[in-house]
């Protein structure tokens, strides 16, 4: 018994120099636009607020995952020990114990 293999010719991928040149031109244009944007940011400066807007927010602990995060709850006249909501760490609804309060210095 003689075994034969299916032989197929090897074909080279079609190569078009025009497409490559066009892609290089597009890439060069994109780089130029990015450089212009970076220069504009450098000229204008970056405006960073010193106030980080977390003063008077509670630091909470999730009852399910025990993760600690900055709560959206802010200090009020009422005494609040916990809130119920979606934990940003485990994405589950849980009681969130309001443990500490962030005060500005």
N, C-alpha and C. Protein backbone atom coordinates (compact mmCIF):
# COMPACT_ATOMS: atom_id res chain seq x y z
N UNK A 1 0.85 -1.16 0.00
CA UNK A 1 0.00 0.00 0.00
C UNK A 1 0.90 1.24 0.00
N UNK A 2 0.61 2.15 -0.91
CA UNK A 2 1.41 3.36 -1.05
C UNK A 2 0.60 4.56 -0.56
N UNK A 3 1.19 5.35 0.35
CA UNK A 3 0.51 6.54 0.89
C UNK A 3 0.90 7.75 0.05
N UNK A 4 -0.08 8.56 -0.31
CA UNK A 4 0.20 9.78 -1.06
C UNK A 4 -0.26 10.96 -0.22
N UNK A 5 0.46 12.02 -0.34
CA UNK A 5 0.10 13.24 0.38
C UNK A 5 -0.52 14.22 -0.59
N UNK A 6 -1.47 14.96 -0.08
CA UNK A 6 -2.06 16.02 -0.90
C UNK A 6 -1.07 17.17 -0.99
N UNK A 7 -0.61 17.43 -2.15
CA UNK A 7 0.34 18.53 -2.34
C UNK A 7 -0.39 19.72 -2.92
N UNK A 8 -0.15 20.87 -2.29
CA UNK A 8 -0.75 22.12 -2.77
C UNK A 8 0.37 23.11 -3.00
N UNK A 9 0.25 23.91 -4.01
CA UNK A 9 1.30 24.90 -4.26
C UNK A 9 1.30 25.97 -3.16
N UNK A 10 2.47 26.46 -2.84
CA UNK A 10 2.60 27.53 -1.84
C UNK A 10 2.45 28.85 -2.56
N UNK A 11 1.54 29.65 -2.08
CA UNK A 11 1.28 30.94 -2.70
C UNK A 11 1.83 32.04 -1.80
N UNK A 12 2.46 33.02 -2.37
CA UNK A 12 2.96 34.17 -1.62
C UNK A 12 1.83 35.19 -1.48
N UNK A 13 1.85 35.90 -0.37
CA UNK A 13 0.86 36.95 -0.16
C UNK A 13 1.10 38.07 -1.16
N UNK A 14 0.02 38.65 -1.60
CA UNK A 14 0.14 39.76 -2.55
C UNK A 14 0.64 40.98 -1.80
N UNK A 15 1.59 41.67 -2.35
CA UNK A 15 2.21 42.81 -1.70
C UNK A 15 2.07 44.02 -2.60
N UNK A 16 1.46 45.06 -2.07
CA UNK A 16 1.26 46.27 -2.85
C UNK A 16 2.01 47.41 -2.17
N UNK A 17 3.04 47.90 -2.84
CA UNK A 17 3.86 48.96 -2.26
C UNK A 17 3.06 50.23 -2.01
N UNK A 18 2.06 50.49 -2.82
CA UNK A 18 1.25 51.71 -2.66
C UNK A 18 0.53 51.69 -1.32
N UNK A 19 -0.05 50.54 -0.94
CA UNK A 19 -0.76 50.43 0.34
C UNK A 19 0.18 50.69 1.50
N UNK A 20 1.39 50.16 1.43
CA UNK A 20 2.36 50.36 2.50
C UNK A 20 2.73 51.84 2.60
N UNK A 21 2.99 52.48 1.50
CA UNK A 21 3.34 53.90 1.50
C UNK A 21 2.19 54.74 2.05
N UNK A 22 0.98 54.38 1.69
CA UNK A 22 -0.19 55.11 2.18
C UNK A 22 -0.35 54.93 3.69
N UNK A 23 -0.11 53.72 4.19
CA UNK A 23 -0.19 53.47 5.63
C UNK A 23 0.88 54.25 6.38
N UNK A 24 2.08 54.34 5.82
CA UNK A 24 3.15 55.11 6.45
C UNK A 24 2.79 56.59 6.48
N UNK A 25 2.22 57.10 5.41
CA UNK A 25 1.79 58.50 5.38
C UNK A 25 0.71 58.77 6.43
N UNK A 26 -0.25 57.85 6.54
CA UNK A 26 -1.31 58.00 7.56
C UNK A 26 -0.71 58.00 8.96
N UNK A 27 0.24 57.12 9.20
CA UNK A 27 0.89 57.05 10.51
C UNK A 27 1.65 58.33 10.81
N UNK A 28 2.36 58.87 9.81
CA UNK A 28 3.10 60.12 9.99
C UNK A 28 2.15 61.27 10.30
N UNK A 29 1.00 61.31 9.64
CA UNK A 29 0.01 62.35 9.92
C UNK A 29 -0.51 62.23 11.35
N UNK A 30 -0.77 61.01 11.80
CA UNK A 30 -1.26 60.79 13.16
C UNK A 30 -0.22 61.23 14.19
N UNK A 31 1.04 60.93 13.94
CA UNK A 31 2.12 61.34 14.86
C UNK A 31 2.21 62.86 14.90
N UNK A 32 2.11 63.53 13.76
CA UNK A 32 2.16 64.99 13.73
C UNK A 32 1.01 65.59 14.53
N UNK A 33 -0.19 65.05 14.38
CA UNK A 33 -1.34 65.55 15.13
C UNK A 33 -1.15 65.36 16.63
N UNK A 34 -0.61 64.22 17.02
CA UNK A 34 -0.36 63.95 18.43
C UNK A 34 0.68 64.91 18.99
N UNK A 35 1.73 65.18 18.23
CA UNK A 35 2.76 66.13 18.67
C UNK A 35 2.17 67.53 18.83
N UNK A 36 1.31 67.94 17.92
CA UNK A 36 0.66 69.25 18.03
C UNK A 36 -0.18 69.33 19.29
N UNK A 37 -0.91 68.27 19.59
CA UNK A 37 -1.75 68.24 20.79
C UNK A 37 -0.90 68.34 22.04
N UNK A 38 0.20 67.60 22.10
CA UNK A 38 1.08 67.64 23.26
C UNK A 38 1.67 69.02 23.44
N UNK A 39 2.06 69.67 22.35
CA UNK A 39 2.62 71.02 22.43
C UNK A 39 1.58 72.01 22.95
N UNK A 40 0.32 71.86 22.53
CA UNK A 40 -0.75 72.74 23.02
C UNK A 40 -0.94 72.57 24.51
N UNK A 41 -0.90 71.34 25.00
CA UNK A 41 -1.06 71.10 26.44
C UNK A 41 0.10 71.71 27.20
N UNK A 42 1.33 71.58 26.67
CA UNK A 42 2.50 72.15 27.32
C UNK A 42 2.41 73.67 27.39
N UNK A 43 1.91 74.30 26.33
CA UNK A 43 1.80 75.76 26.30
C UNK A 43 0.75 76.26 27.28
N UNK A 44 -0.39 75.58 27.33
CA UNK A 44 -1.47 76.01 28.20
C UNK A 44 -1.23 75.62 29.64
N UNK A 45 -0.42 74.62 29.87
CA UNK A 45 -0.22 74.12 31.22
C UNK A 45 -1.39 73.23 31.63
N UNK A 46 -1.15 72.41 32.57
CA UNK A 46 -2.19 71.52 33.05
C UNK A 46 -2.79 72.13 34.30
N UNK A 47 -4.10 72.27 34.31
CA UNK A 47 -4.79 72.88 35.44
C UNK A 47 -5.22 71.79 36.41
N UNK A 48 -4.47 71.65 37.48
CA UNK A 48 -4.80 70.64 38.48
C UNK A 48 -5.37 71.36 39.69
N UNK A 49 -6.58 70.95 40.07
CA UNK A 49 -7.19 71.55 41.24
C UNK A 49 -6.51 71.03 42.50
N UNK A 50 -6.25 71.95 43.40
CA UNK A 50 -5.65 71.53 44.66
C UNK A 50 -6.71 70.87 45.54
N UNK A 51 -7.93 71.35 45.45
CA UNK A 51 -9.02 70.76 46.22
C UNK A 51 -9.44 69.46 45.54
N UNK A 52 -9.27 68.36 46.22
CA UNK A 52 -9.59 67.07 45.61
C UNK A 52 -11.02 66.61 45.88
N UNK A 53 -11.81 67.45 46.51
CA UNK A 53 -13.24 67.21 46.72
C UNK A 53 -13.56 65.96 47.54
N UNK A 54 -12.64 65.50 48.37
CA UNK A 54 -12.97 64.36 49.22
C UNK A 54 -13.09 64.76 50.68
N UNK A 55 -12.84 66.05 50.97
CA UNK A 55 -12.99 66.50 52.35
C UNK A 55 -14.43 66.30 52.80
N UNK A 56 -14.60 65.87 54.03
CA UNK A 56 -15.89 65.62 54.67
C UNK A 56 -16.61 64.39 54.10
N UNK A 57 -15.92 63.58 53.32
CA UNK A 57 -16.47 62.30 52.88
C UNK A 57 -16.04 61.22 53.87
N UNK A 58 -16.86 60.20 53.98
CA UNK A 58 -16.52 59.08 54.85
C UNK A 58 -15.67 58.06 54.10
N UNK A 59 -14.82 57.38 54.84
CA UNK A 59 -14.15 56.18 54.34
C UNK A 59 -14.99 55.02 54.87
N UNK A 60 -15.44 54.18 53.93
CA UNK A 60 -16.36 53.11 54.29
C UNK A 60 -15.70 51.75 54.11
N UNK A 61 -16.28 50.76 54.82
CA UNK A 61 -15.85 49.37 54.68
C UNK A 61 -17.06 48.54 54.28
N UNK A 62 -16.91 47.75 53.22
CA UNK A 62 -17.98 46.89 52.73
C UNK A 62 -18.14 45.70 53.66
N UNK A 63 -19.38 45.39 54.03
CA UNK A 63 -19.63 44.24 54.89
C UNK A 63 -19.37 42.91 54.19
N UNK A 64 -19.46 42.87 52.86
CA UNK A 64 -19.26 41.61 52.15
C UNK A 64 -17.78 41.32 51.85
N UNK A 65 -17.11 42.25 51.18
CA UNK A 65 -15.72 41.99 50.77
C UNK A 65 -14.70 42.60 51.74
N UNK A 66 -15.17 43.41 52.67
CA UNK A 66 -14.32 44.10 53.65
C UNK A 66 -13.32 45.05 53.01
N UNK A 67 -13.61 45.46 51.77
CA UNK A 67 -12.78 46.45 51.10
C UNK A 67 -13.04 47.84 51.67
N UNK A 68 -12.03 48.68 51.62
CA UNK A 68 -12.14 50.04 52.16
C UNK A 68 -12.05 51.02 50.99
N UNK A 69 -12.97 52.00 50.96
CA UNK A 69 -13.04 52.94 49.86
C UNK A 69 -13.62 54.26 50.35
N UNK A 70 -13.46 55.31 49.55
CA UNK A 70 -14.03 56.61 49.87
C UNK A 70 -15.49 56.59 49.47
N UNK A 71 -16.36 56.83 50.42
CA UNK A 71 -17.80 56.79 50.18
C UNK A 71 -18.28 58.09 49.55
N UNK A 72 -19.41 58.02 48.87
CA UNK A 72 -20.03 59.22 48.34
C UNK A 72 -20.75 59.99 49.44
N UNK A 73 -20.93 59.35 50.58
CA UNK A 73 -21.62 59.95 51.73
C UNK A 73 -20.75 61.04 52.36
N UNK A 74 -21.33 62.21 52.57
CA UNK A 74 -20.61 63.31 53.21
C UNK A 74 -21.14 63.52 54.61
N UNK A 75 -20.35 64.18 55.42
CA UNK A 75 -20.72 64.46 56.81
C UNK A 75 -21.96 65.35 56.85
N UNK A 76 -22.89 65.00 57.71
CA UNK A 76 -24.09 65.80 57.91
C UNK A 76 -24.30 66.00 59.40
N UNK A 77 -25.37 66.71 59.75
CA UNK A 77 -25.71 66.90 61.16
C UNK A 77 -26.22 65.61 61.78
N UNK A 78 -26.72 64.71 60.97
CA UNK A 78 -27.25 63.45 61.48
C UNK A 78 -26.13 62.45 61.72
N UNK A 79 -26.31 61.61 62.71
CA UNK A 79 -25.34 60.56 63.01
C UNK A 79 -25.66 59.36 62.13
N UNK A 80 -24.74 59.01 61.23
CA UNK A 80 -24.95 57.89 60.31
C UNK A 80 -23.79 56.90 60.51
N UNK A 81 -24.14 55.64 60.81
CA UNK A 81 -23.11 54.62 61.01
C UNK A 81 -22.87 53.77 59.77
N UNK A 82 -23.92 53.60 58.96
CA UNK A 82 -23.77 52.78 57.76
C UNK A 82 -24.80 53.19 56.72
N UNK A 83 -24.52 52.83 55.48
CA UNK A 83 -25.45 53.05 54.38
C UNK A 83 -25.50 51.76 53.57
N UNK A 84 -26.54 51.61 52.79
CA UNK A 84 -26.66 50.45 51.91
C UNK A 84 -26.48 50.94 50.48
N UNK A 85 -25.66 50.23 49.73
CA UNK A 85 -25.41 50.61 48.35
C UNK A 85 -24.55 49.59 47.64
N UNK A 86 -24.21 49.89 46.40
CA UNK A 86 -23.36 49.01 45.60
C UNK A 86 -21.91 49.30 45.95
N UNK A 87 -21.19 48.28 46.36
CA UNK A 87 -19.77 48.44 46.69
C UNK A 87 -18.98 48.64 45.40
N UNK A 88 -18.14 49.67 45.33
CA UNK A 88 -17.36 49.90 44.11
C UNK A 88 -16.26 48.85 43.91
N UNK A 89 -15.97 48.06 44.92
CA UNK A 89 -14.91 47.07 44.81
C UNK A 89 -15.42 45.70 44.40
N UNK A 90 -16.52 45.24 45.01
CA UNK A 90 -17.03 43.90 44.67
C UNK A 90 -18.29 43.96 43.80
N UNK A 91 -18.82 45.16 43.55
CA UNK A 91 -20.01 45.36 42.70
C UNK A 91 -21.25 44.65 43.20
N UNK A 92 -21.36 44.47 44.52
CA UNK A 92 -22.55 43.84 45.09
C UNK A 92 -23.20 44.81 46.06
N UNK A 93 -24.51 44.69 46.20
CA UNK A 93 -25.21 45.54 47.15
C UNK A 93 -24.90 45.04 48.56
N UNK A 94 -24.49 45.98 49.41
CA UNK A 94 -24.11 45.59 50.77
C UNK A 94 -24.29 46.78 51.70
N UNK A 95 -24.20 46.48 52.98
CA UNK A 95 -24.12 47.55 53.96
C UNK A 95 -22.68 48.04 53.98
N UNK A 96 -22.52 49.34 54.04
CA UNK A 96 -21.19 49.94 54.05
C UNK A 96 -21.04 50.71 55.37
N UNK A 97 -20.13 50.23 56.18
CA UNK A 97 -19.88 50.84 57.48
C UNK A 97 -19.03 52.09 57.29
N UNK A 98 -19.54 53.23 57.75
CA UNK A 98 -18.83 54.50 57.62
C UNK A 98 -17.87 54.60 58.80
N UNK A 99 -16.61 54.27 58.56
CA UNK A 99 -15.63 54.10 59.64
C UNK A 99 -14.93 55.41 60.02
N UNK A 100 -14.44 56.16 59.01
CA UNK A 100 -13.65 57.34 59.28
C UNK A 100 -14.14 58.50 58.43
N UNK A 101 -13.77 59.70 58.83
CA UNK A 101 -14.18 60.90 58.12
C UNK A 101 -12.92 61.64 57.65
N UNK A 102 -12.90 62.05 56.40
CA UNK A 102 -11.75 62.77 55.85
C UNK A 102 -11.93 64.25 56.15
N UNK A 103 -10.95 64.83 56.81
CA UNK A 103 -10.96 66.25 57.13
C UNK A 103 -9.82 66.94 56.41
N UNK A 104 -10.06 68.13 55.90
CA UNK A 104 -8.99 68.88 55.24
C UNK A 104 -8.07 69.48 56.30
N UNK A 105 -6.81 69.62 55.95
CA UNK A 105 -5.84 70.15 56.91
C UNK A 105 -5.47 71.56 56.59
